[in-house]
Amino acid sequence: MLNLDPEEKVLLIMHHHWITLVGPAFIVLFSLLVPWIFISILKPFFSFAISLWYLITLMIAFGFWIDYYLDALVITDKRILDIDQIGLFRHTVSEFRMERVQDVTIEIPNFAATFFHYGNIKIQTAGEVSFSIGEVPSPHIARDLILKHAKQTTNP
């Protein structure tokens, strides 16, 4: 859970772009179709085997969704937080203050990223720490917001 200062305001919360779910969705759909391919082999144990297969497939789909939904970049007026969900029970939260921001780089890696308006954000801080989040929608909005508030905190 995020602990914000009483006067700190959340400016933007960014999750990965929905296009990042396309690959896992194909994996899940293919996994749902596999039992029908082997129906003649599994006929005697078909209902038990297909139920077990679907249960495992849905658990994998749930894991993909949790990873997508709980990964976030939170931009407040004082800090930037990167929440990275790793599996169901493990996550890491990285943060730094706005006044430490020196450079924000946007990378649009390919045609699909250009077409669907997503990209990667890399933030350079004063302590030579680089901070990045990949595949976020409209990274230019986040860059402009970060640079605007970083400038305001260093030059009040």
N, C-alpha and C. Protein backbone atom coordinates (compact mmCIF):
# COMPACT_ATOMS: atom_id res chain seq x y z
N MET A 1 0.84 -1.17 0.00
CA MET A 1 0.00 0.00 0.00
C MET A 1 0.89 1.24 0.00
N LEU A 2 0.41 2.27 -0.62
CA LEU A 2 1.17 3.51 -0.70
C LEU A 2 0.89 4.39 0.50
N ASN A 3 1.95 4.92 1.07
CA ASN A 3 1.82 5.88 2.16
C ASN A 3 2.21 7.25 1.62
N LEU A 4 1.24 8.12 1.48
CA LEU A 4 1.49 9.46 0.97
C LEU A 4 1.52 10.45 2.13
N ASP A 5 2.28 11.53 1.95
CA ASP A 5 2.26 12.61 2.92
C ASP A 5 0.87 13.24 2.91
N PRO A 6 0.47 13.87 4.01
CA PRO A 6 -0.87 14.47 4.04
C PRO A 6 -1.13 15.50 2.93
N GLU A 7 -0.12 16.28 2.55
CA GLU A 7 -0.32 17.31 1.54
C GLU A 7 0.10 16.85 0.14
N GLU A 8 0.51 15.60 0.01
CA GLU A 8 0.95 15.07 -1.28
C GLU A 8 -0.26 14.63 -2.12
N LYS A 9 -0.27 15.02 -3.40
CA LYS A 9 -1.37 14.69 -4.30
C LYS A 9 -0.88 13.75 -5.39
N VAL A 10 -1.70 12.75 -5.72
CA VAL A 10 -1.40 11.86 -6.83
C VAL A 10 -1.78 12.57 -8.11
N LEU A 11 -0.83 12.73 -9.02
CA LEU A 11 -1.07 13.41 -10.29
C LEU A 11 -1.45 12.43 -11.39
N LEU A 12 -0.83 11.25 -11.40
CA LEU A 12 -1.05 10.31 -12.49
C LEU A 12 -0.68 8.91 -12.03
N ILE A 13 -1.50 7.94 -12.39
CA ILE A 13 -1.18 6.53 -12.17
C ILE A 13 -1.20 5.87 -13.54
N MET A 14 -0.10 5.23 -13.90
CA MET A 14 0.01 4.59 -15.21
C MET A 14 0.25 3.10 -15.04
N HIS A 15 -0.48 2.31 -15.78
CA HIS A 15 -0.27 0.87 -15.85
C HIS A 15 0.32 0.55 -17.21
N HIS A 16 0.72 -0.69 -17.39
CA HIS A 16 1.20 -1.09 -18.70
C HIS A 16 0.08 -0.95 -19.72
N HIS A 17 0.42 -0.77 -20.97
CA HIS A 17 -0.56 -0.64 -22.04
C HIS A 17 -1.29 -1.98 -22.20
N TRP A 18 -2.56 -1.93 -22.61
CA TRP A 18 -3.35 -3.15 -22.76
C TRP A 18 -2.76 -4.10 -23.79
N ILE A 19 -1.97 -3.61 -24.72
CA ILE A 19 -1.39 -4.45 -25.76
C ILE A 19 -0.46 -5.50 -25.17
N THR A 20 0.06 -5.25 -23.95
CA THR A 20 0.96 -6.22 -23.33
C THR A 20 0.21 -7.49 -22.90
N LEU A 21 -1.12 -7.45 -22.88
CA LEU A 21 -1.91 -8.63 -22.53
C LEU A 21 -2.22 -9.50 -23.74
N VAL A 22 -1.90 -9.05 -24.95
CA VAL A 22 -2.24 -9.81 -26.16
C VAL A 22 -1.48 -11.14 -26.20
N GLY A 23 -0.18 -11.12 -25.95
CA GLY A 23 0.61 -12.36 -25.95
C GLY A 23 0.09 -13.37 -24.92
N PRO A 24 -0.06 -12.96 -23.66
CA PRO A 24 -0.61 -13.89 -22.68
C PRO A 24 -2.03 -14.36 -23.02
N ALA A 25 -2.84 -13.51 -23.65
CA ALA A 25 -4.19 -13.92 -24.03
C ALA A 25 -4.15 -15.03 -25.07
N PHE A 26 -3.22 -14.94 -26.03
CA PHE A 26 -3.08 -16.02 -27.01
C PHE A 26 -2.64 -17.32 -26.35
N ILE A 27 -1.75 -17.22 -25.37
CA ILE A 27 -1.31 -18.41 -24.65
C ILE A 27 -2.48 -19.06 -23.94
N VAL A 28 -3.29 -18.25 -23.27
CA VAL A 28 -4.45 -18.77 -22.54
C VAL A 28 -5.47 -19.37 -23.51
N LEU A 29 -5.77 -18.68 -24.62
CA LEU A 29 -6.74 -19.21 -25.58
C LEU A 29 -6.26 -20.51 -26.20
N PHE A 30 -4.97 -20.58 -26.53
CA PHE A 30 -4.42 -21.82 -27.07
C PHE A 30 -4.54 -22.94 -26.04
N SER A 31 -4.25 -22.62 -24.78
CA SER A 31 -4.35 -23.62 -23.72
C SER A 31 -5.78 -24.10 -23.52
N LEU A 32 -6.74 -23.23 -23.77
CA LEU A 32 -8.14 -23.64 -23.64
C LEU A 32 -8.57 -24.55 -24.79
N LEU A 33 -7.90 -24.44 -25.93
CA LEU A 33 -8.25 -25.26 -27.09
C LEU A 33 -7.53 -26.61 -27.13
N VAL A 34 -6.43 -26.74 -26.43
CA VAL A 34 -5.62 -27.97 -26.47
C VAL A 34 -6.43 -29.22 -26.10
N PRO A 35 -7.27 -29.21 -25.07
CA PRO A 35 -8.01 -30.45 -24.74
C PRO A 35 -8.89 -30.95 -25.89
N TRP A 36 -9.41 -30.08 -26.68
CA TRP A 36 -10.28 -30.50 -27.79
C TRP A 36 -9.49 -31.19 -28.88
N ILE A 37 -8.20 -30.89 -28.97
CA ILE A 37 -7.34 -31.54 -29.95
C ILE A 37 -7.12 -33.01 -29.56
N PHE A 38 -6.99 -33.26 -28.28
CA PHE A 38 -6.70 -34.60 -27.79
C PHE A 38 -7.93 -35.33 -27.25
N ILE A 39 -9.10 -34.95 -27.70
CA ILE A 39 -10.34 -35.53 -27.16
C ILE A 39 -10.42 -37.04 -27.39
N SER A 40 -9.95 -37.52 -28.52
CA SER A 40 -10.05 -38.96 -28.78
C SER A 40 -9.14 -39.75 -27.86
N ILE A 41 -7.99 -39.18 -27.49
CA ILE A 41 -7.06 -39.88 -26.61
C ILE A 41 -7.57 -39.88 -25.17
N LEU A 42 -8.17 -38.79 -24.77
CA LEU A 42 -8.59 -38.62 -23.37
C LEU A 42 -10.05 -39.00 -23.13
N LYS A 43 -10.70 -39.64 -24.09
CA LYS A 43 -12.14 -39.89 -23.97
C LYS A 43 -12.56 -40.52 -22.64
N PRO A 44 -11.90 -41.57 -22.15
CA PRO A 44 -12.35 -42.17 -20.88
C PRO A 44 -12.22 -41.22 -19.69
N PHE A 45 -11.20 -40.40 -19.69
CA PHE A 45 -10.95 -39.50 -18.55
C PHE A 45 -11.21 -38.05 -18.94
N PHE A 46 -11.99 -37.84 -19.96
CA PHE A 46 -12.13 -36.51 -20.57
C PHE A 46 -12.63 -35.45 -19.60
N SER A 47 -13.71 -35.71 -18.88
CA SER A 47 -14.27 -34.64 -18.05
C SER A 47 -13.33 -34.26 -16.90
N PHE A 48 -12.68 -35.23 -16.28
CA PHE A 48 -11.74 -34.90 -15.22
C PHE A 48 -10.51 -34.18 -15.78
N ALA A 49 -9.96 -34.71 -16.86
CA ALA A 49 -8.76 -34.12 -17.45
C ALA A 49 -9.02 -32.70 -17.95
N ILE A 50 -10.13 -32.49 -18.62
CA ILE A 50 -10.42 -31.14 -19.14
C ILE A 50 -10.69 -30.16 -18.00
N SER A 51 -11.34 -30.62 -16.95
CA SER A 51 -11.57 -29.74 -15.79
C SER A 51 -10.25 -29.34 -15.14
N LEU A 52 -9.36 -30.29 -14.99
CA LEU A 52 -8.04 -30.00 -14.41
C LEU A 52 -7.25 -29.06 -15.32
N TRP A 53 -7.29 -29.32 -16.62
CA TRP A 53 -6.58 -28.46 -17.59
C TRP A 53 -7.11 -27.04 -17.54
N TYR A 54 -8.44 -26.87 -17.53
CA TYR A 54 -9.04 -25.53 -17.49
C TYR A 54 -8.73 -24.81 -16.18
N LEU A 55 -8.69 -25.54 -15.09
CA LEU A 55 -8.34 -24.93 -13.81
C LEU A 55 -6.92 -24.38 -13.84
N ILE A 56 -6.00 -25.14 -14.37
CA ILE A 56 -4.61 -24.68 -14.46
C ILE A 56 -4.51 -23.50 -15.41
N THR A 57 -5.20 -23.56 -16.55
CA THR A 57 -5.17 -22.46 -17.51
C THR A 57 -5.74 -21.18 -16.91
N LEU A 58 -6.82 -21.27 -16.19
CA LEU A 58 -7.41 -20.08 -15.57
C LEU A 58 -6.53 -19.52 -14.45
N MET A 59 -5.80 -20.38 -13.75
CA MET A 59 -4.86 -19.89 -12.75
C MET A 59 -3.71 -19.12 -13.41
N ILE A 60 -3.25 -19.61 -14.56
CA ILE A 60 -2.20 -18.90 -15.31
C ILE A 60 -2.72 -17.56 -15.80
N ALA A 61 -3.96 -17.54 -16.31
CA ALA A 61 -4.57 -16.29 -16.77
C ALA A 61 -4.71 -15.29 -15.62
N PHE A 62 -5.07 -15.78 -14.44
CA PHE A 62 -5.18 -14.92 -13.27
C PHE A 62 -3.82 -14.32 -12.90
N GLY A 63 -2.76 -15.12 -13.01
CA GLY A 63 -1.41 -14.62 -12.74
C GLY A 63 -1.01 -13.53 -13.72
N PHE A 64 -1.33 -13.70 -15.01
CA PHE A 64 -1.05 -12.66 -16.01
C PHE A 64 -1.79 -11.37 -15.67
N TRP A 65 -3.07 -11.51 -15.28
CA TRP A 65 -3.88 -10.33 -14.97
C TRP A 65 -3.35 -9.59 -13.74
N ILE A 66 -3.01 -10.33 -12.70
CA ILE A 66 -2.47 -9.72 -11.47
C ILE A 66 -1.20 -8.95 -11.78
N ASP A 67 -0.31 -9.54 -12.57
CA ASP A 67 0.94 -8.87 -12.93
C ASP A 67 0.66 -7.59 -13.72
N TYR A 68 -0.29 -7.64 -14.63
CA TYR A 68 -0.65 -6.46 -15.43
C TYR A 68 -1.29 -5.38 -14.55
N TYR A 69 -2.24 -5.77 -13.72
CA TYR A 69 -3.05 -4.80 -12.98
C TYR A 69 -2.29 -4.14 -11.83
N LEU A 70 -1.41 -4.87 -11.18
CA LEU A 70 -0.73 -4.34 -10.00
C LEU A 70 0.60 -3.65 -10.30
N ASP A 71 1.13 -3.79 -11.51
CA ASP A 71 2.30 -2.99 -11.91
C ASP A 71 1.82 -1.57 -12.19
N ALA A 72 2.48 -0.59 -11.60
CA ALA A 72 2.03 0.79 -11.80
C ALA A 72 3.18 1.77 -11.62
N LEU A 73 3.06 2.89 -12.30
CA LEU A 73 3.93 4.05 -12.10
C LEU A 73 3.05 5.13 -11.51
N VAL A 74 3.36 5.56 -10.30
CA VAL A 74 2.55 6.56 -9.61
C VAL A 74 3.37 7.85 -9.55
N ILE A 75 2.82 8.91 -10.11
CA ILE A 75 3.48 10.21 -10.11
C ILE A 75 2.69 11.13 -9.19
N THR A 76 3.35 11.61 -8.15
CA THR A 76 2.71 12.58 -7.25
C THR A 76 3.42 13.92 -7.45
N ASP A 77 2.96 14.93 -6.74
CA ASP A 77 3.60 16.23 -6.87
C ASP A 77 4.96 16.30 -6.17
N LYS A 78 5.32 15.26 -5.37
CA LYS A 78 6.59 15.25 -4.66
C LYS A 78 7.49 14.06 -4.98
N ARG A 79 6.89 12.94 -5.43
CA ARG A 79 7.67 11.72 -5.64
C ARG A 79 7.20 10.98 -6.89
N ILE A 80 8.04 10.04 -7.31
CA ILE A 80 7.68 9.08 -8.36
C ILE A 80 7.88 7.70 -7.76
N LEU A 81 6.85 6.85 -7.88
CA LEU A 81 6.91 5.51 -7.33
C LEU A 81 6.69 4.51 -8.45
N ASP A 82 7.51 3.47 -8.49
CA ASP A 82 7.35 2.38 -9.44
C ASP A 82 7.01 1.13 -8.66
N ILE A 83 5.82 0.59 -8.87
CA ILE A 83 5.37 -0.61 -8.17
C ILE A 83 5.45 -1.76 -9.16
N ASP A 84 6.26 -2.75 -8.84
CA ASP A 84 6.47 -3.89 -9.73
C ASP A 84 6.00 -5.16 -9.03
N GLN A 85 4.92 -5.75 -9.51
CA GLN A 85 4.38 -6.98 -8.94
C GLN A 85 5.12 -8.16 -9.55
N ILE A 86 5.61 -9.06 -8.70
CA ILE A 86 6.35 -10.23 -9.14
C ILE A 86 5.62 -11.45 -8.56
N GLY A 87 4.84 -12.10 -9.38
CA GLY A 87 4.04 -13.22 -8.91
C GLY A 87 2.85 -12.72 -8.10
N LEU A 88 2.29 -13.60 -7.28
CA LEU A 88 1.10 -13.23 -6.52
C LEU A 88 1.39 -12.49 -5.23
N PHE A 89 2.48 -12.84 -4.55
CA PHE A 89 2.70 -12.33 -3.21
C PHE A 89 3.92 -11.44 -3.05
N ARG A 90 4.66 -11.20 -4.10
CA ARG A 90 5.89 -10.42 -3.99
C ARG A 90 5.80 -9.19 -4.87
N HIS A 91 6.23 -8.07 -4.34
CA HIS A 91 6.29 -6.84 -5.14
C HIS A 91 7.43 -5.96 -4.62
N THR A 92 7.90 -5.09 -5.50
CA THR A 92 8.91 -4.13 -5.10
C THR A 92 8.39 -2.74 -5.41
N VAL A 93 8.73 -1.81 -4.54
CA VAL A 93 8.34 -0.41 -4.73
C VAL A 93 9.62 0.42 -4.72
N SER A 94 9.86 1.10 -5.82
CA SER A 94 11.01 2.00 -5.93
C SER A 94 10.48 3.42 -5.97
N GLU A 95 11.16 4.33 -5.30
CA GLU A 95 10.69 5.71 -5.30
C GLU A 95 11.86 6.68 -5.20
N PHE A 96 11.62 7.88 -5.69
CA PHE A 96 12.56 8.97 -5.47
C PHE A 96 11.81 10.28 -5.57
N ARG A 97 12.42 11.30 -5.02
CA ARG A 97 11.79 12.62 -4.94
C ARG A 97 11.92 13.35 -6.26
N MET A 98 10.98 14.23 -6.53
CA MET A 98 10.96 14.98 -7.79
C MET A 98 12.18 15.86 -7.98
N GLU A 99 12.70 16.42 -6.89
CA GLU A 99 13.84 17.33 -7.05
C GLU A 99 15.12 16.62 -7.50
N ARG A 100 15.15 15.29 -7.45
CA ARG A 100 16.32 14.53 -7.89
C ARG A 100 16.30 14.20 -9.38
N VAL A 101 15.19 14.48 -10.05
CA VAL A 101 15.07 14.16 -11.48
C VAL A 101 15.98 15.07 -12.29
N GLN A 102 16.79 14.47 -13.15
CA GLN A 102 17.64 15.24 -14.04
C GLN A 102 17.23 15.10 -15.49
N ASP A 103 16.81 13.90 -15.89
CA ASP A 103 16.49 13.67 -17.29
C ASP A 103 15.39 12.62 -17.39
N VAL A 104 14.49 12.81 -18.36
CA VAL A 104 13.44 11.84 -18.65
C VAL A 104 13.54 11.49 -20.12
N THR A 105 13.71 10.22 -20.43
CA THR A 105 13.84 9.75 -21.81
C THR A 105 12.66 8.88 -22.17
N ILE A 106 12.11 9.13 -23.34
CA ILE A 106 11.01 8.33 -23.86
C ILE A 106 11.55 7.49 -25.02
N GLU A 107 11.21 6.21 -25.04
CA GLU A 107 11.60 5.34 -26.14
C GLU A 107 10.34 4.70 -26.72
N ILE A 108 10.16 4.88 -28.03
CA ILE A 108 9.08 4.21 -28.75
C ILE A 108 9.77 3.12 -29.58
N PRO A 109 9.72 1.84 -29.14
CA PRO A 109 10.62 0.83 -29.69
C PRO A 109 10.29 0.27 -31.08
N ASN A 110 9.03 0.34 -31.51
CA ASN A 110 8.70 -0.30 -32.79
C ASN A 110 7.42 0.29 -33.38
N PHE A 111 7.01 -0.28 -34.51
CA PHE A 111 5.82 0.21 -35.20
C PHE A 111 4.56 0.03 -34.36
N ALA A 112 4.42 -1.11 -33.70
CA ALA A 112 3.24 -1.35 -32.87
C ALA A 112 3.15 -0.32 -31.76
N ALA A 113 4.28 0.04 -31.17
CA ALA A 113 4.29 1.05 -30.11
C ALA A 113 3.87 2.40 -30.66
N THR A 114 4.29 2.72 -31.86
CA THR A 114 3.89 3.97 -32.49
C THR A 114 2.40 3.96 -32.80
N PHE A 115 1.92 2.87 -33.34
CA PHE A 115 0.53 2.75 -33.75
C PHE A 115 -0.42 2.76 -32.55
N PHE A 116 -0.05 2.07 -31.47
CA PHE A 116 -0.91 1.98 -30.29
C PHE A 116 -0.57 3.00 -29.21
N HIS A 117 0.37 3.90 -29.47
CA HIS A 117 0.73 5.00 -28.56
C HIS A 117 1.19 4.51 -27.19
N TYR A 118 2.20 3.66 -27.18
CA TYR A 118 2.82 3.27 -25.91
C TYR A 118 4.33 3.28 -26.08
N GLY A 119 5.03 3.27 -24.95
CA GLY A 119 6.49 3.30 -25.01
C GLY A 119 7.09 3.07 -23.64
N ASN A 120 8.40 3.28 -23.56
CA ASN A 120 9.15 3.09 -22.32
C ASN A 120 9.61 4.44 -21.79
N ILE A 121 9.64 4.57 -20.48
CA ILE A 121 10.10 5.80 -19.85
C ILE A 121 11.34 5.47 -19.02
N LYS A 122 12.40 6.24 -19.22
CA LYS A 122 13.62 6.07 -18.42
C LYS A 122 13.89 7.41 -17.75
N ILE A 123 14.03 7.38 -16.43
CA ILE A 123 14.24 8.59 -15.65
C ILE A 123 15.62 8.52 -15.01
N GLN A 124 16.42 9.54 -15.23
CA GLN A 124 17.77 9.64 -14.67
C GLN A 124 17.70 10.57 -13.47
N THR A 125 18.29 10.15 -12.35
CA THR A 125 18.28 10.97 -11.14
C THR A 125 19.68 11.50 -10.85
N ALA A 126 19.75 12.38 -9.87
CA ALA A 126 21.01 13.02 -9.51
C ALA A 126 22.02 12.02 -8.97
N GLY A 127 21.58 10.96 -8.36
CA GLY A 127 22.50 9.98 -7.77
C GLY A 127 22.91 8.89 -8.74
N GLU A 128 22.92 9.15 -10.03
CA GLU A 128 23.30 8.21 -11.07
C GLU A 128 22.42 6.97 -11.07
N VAL A 129 21.24 7.08 -10.52
CA VAL A 129 20.31 5.96 -10.52
C VAL A 129 19.38 6.12 -11.71
N SER A 130 19.23 5.05 -12.46
CA SER A 130 18.30 5.10 -13.58
C SER A 130 17.08 4.28 -13.20
N PHE A 131 15.95 4.76 -13.59
CA PHE A 131 14.67 4.24 -13.17
C PHE A 131 13.83 4.10 -14.41
N SER A 132 13.27 2.93 -14.70
CA SER A 132 12.52 2.80 -15.94
C SER A 132 11.28 1.94 -15.75
N ILE A 133 10.30 2.21 -16.59
CA ILE A 133 9.09 1.40 -16.66
C ILE A 133 8.77 1.25 -18.13
N GLY A 134 8.42 0.04 -18.51
CA GLY A 134 8.19 -0.25 -19.92
C GLY A 134 6.73 -0.37 -20.27
N GLU A 135 6.46 -0.11 -21.53
CA GLU A 135 5.16 -0.34 -22.15
C GLU A 135 4.02 0.39 -21.43
N VAL A 136 4.17 1.70 -21.26
CA VAL A 136 3.10 2.49 -20.67
C VAL A 136 2.40 3.30 -21.76
N PRO A 137 1.10 3.50 -21.62
CA PRO A 137 0.38 4.28 -22.63
C PRO A 137 0.73 5.77 -22.53
N SER A 138 0.81 6.42 -23.66
CA SER A 138 1.08 7.86 -23.76
C SER A 138 2.23 8.30 -22.86
N PRO A 139 3.44 7.82 -23.10
CA PRO A 139 4.56 8.17 -22.23
C PRO A 139 4.92 9.66 -22.28
N HIS A 140 4.52 10.35 -23.34
CA HIS A 140 4.82 11.78 -23.46
C HIS A 140 4.10 12.59 -22.38
N ILE A 141 2.90 12.16 -22.02
CA ILE A 141 2.14 12.84 -20.97
C ILE A 141 2.89 12.72 -19.64
N ALA A 142 3.36 11.52 -19.33
CA ALA A 142 4.11 11.31 -18.08
C ALA A 142 5.40 12.12 -18.09
N ARG A 143 6.12 12.13 -19.21
CA ARG A 143 7.37 12.88 -19.30
C ARG A 143 7.13 14.36 -19.03
N ASP A 144 6.13 14.94 -19.69
CA ASP A 144 5.84 16.36 -19.52
C ASP A 144 5.45 16.67 -18.07
N LEU A 145 4.65 15.81 -17.48
CA LEU A 145 4.22 16.01 -16.09
C LEU A 145 5.40 15.91 -15.12
N ILE A 146 6.26 14.93 -15.32
CA ILE A 146 7.44 14.76 -14.45
C ILE A 146 8.36 15.97 -14.56
N LEU A 147 8.67 16.37 -15.78
CA LEU A 147 9.59 17.51 -15.96
C LEU A 147 9.00 18.81 -15.42
N LYS A 148 7.70 19.00 -15.59
CA LYS A 148 7.04 20.21 -15.07
C LYS A 148 7.16 20.26 -13.55
N HIS A 149 6.85 19.18 -12.88
CA HIS A 149 6.89 19.18 -11.41
C HIS A 149 8.31 19.10 -10.87
N ALA A 150 9.21 18.49 -11.61
CA ALA A 150 10.63 18.50 -11.17
C ALA A 150 11.18 19.92 -11.21
N LYS A 151 10.80 20.66 -12.24
CA LYS A 151 11.26 22.05 -12.37
C LYS A 151 10.66 22.92 -11.26
N GLN A 152 9.39 22.67 -10.93
CA GLN A 152 8.74 23.45 -9.88
C GLN A 152 9.34 23.18 -8.51
N THR A 153 9.74 21.94 -8.25
CA THR A 153 10.30 21.63 -6.92
C THR A 153 11.72 22.14 -6.78
N THR A 154 12.48 22.23 -7.88
CA THR A 154 13.84 22.75 -7.77
C THR A 154 13.88 24.27 -7.80
N ASN A 155 12.89 24.90 -8.44
CA ASN A 155 12.81 26.37 -8.53
C ASN A 155 11.45 26.86 -8.01
N PRO A 156 11.24 26.85 -6.69
CA PRO A 156 9.93 27.26 -6.17
C PRO A 156 9.63 28.73 -6.33
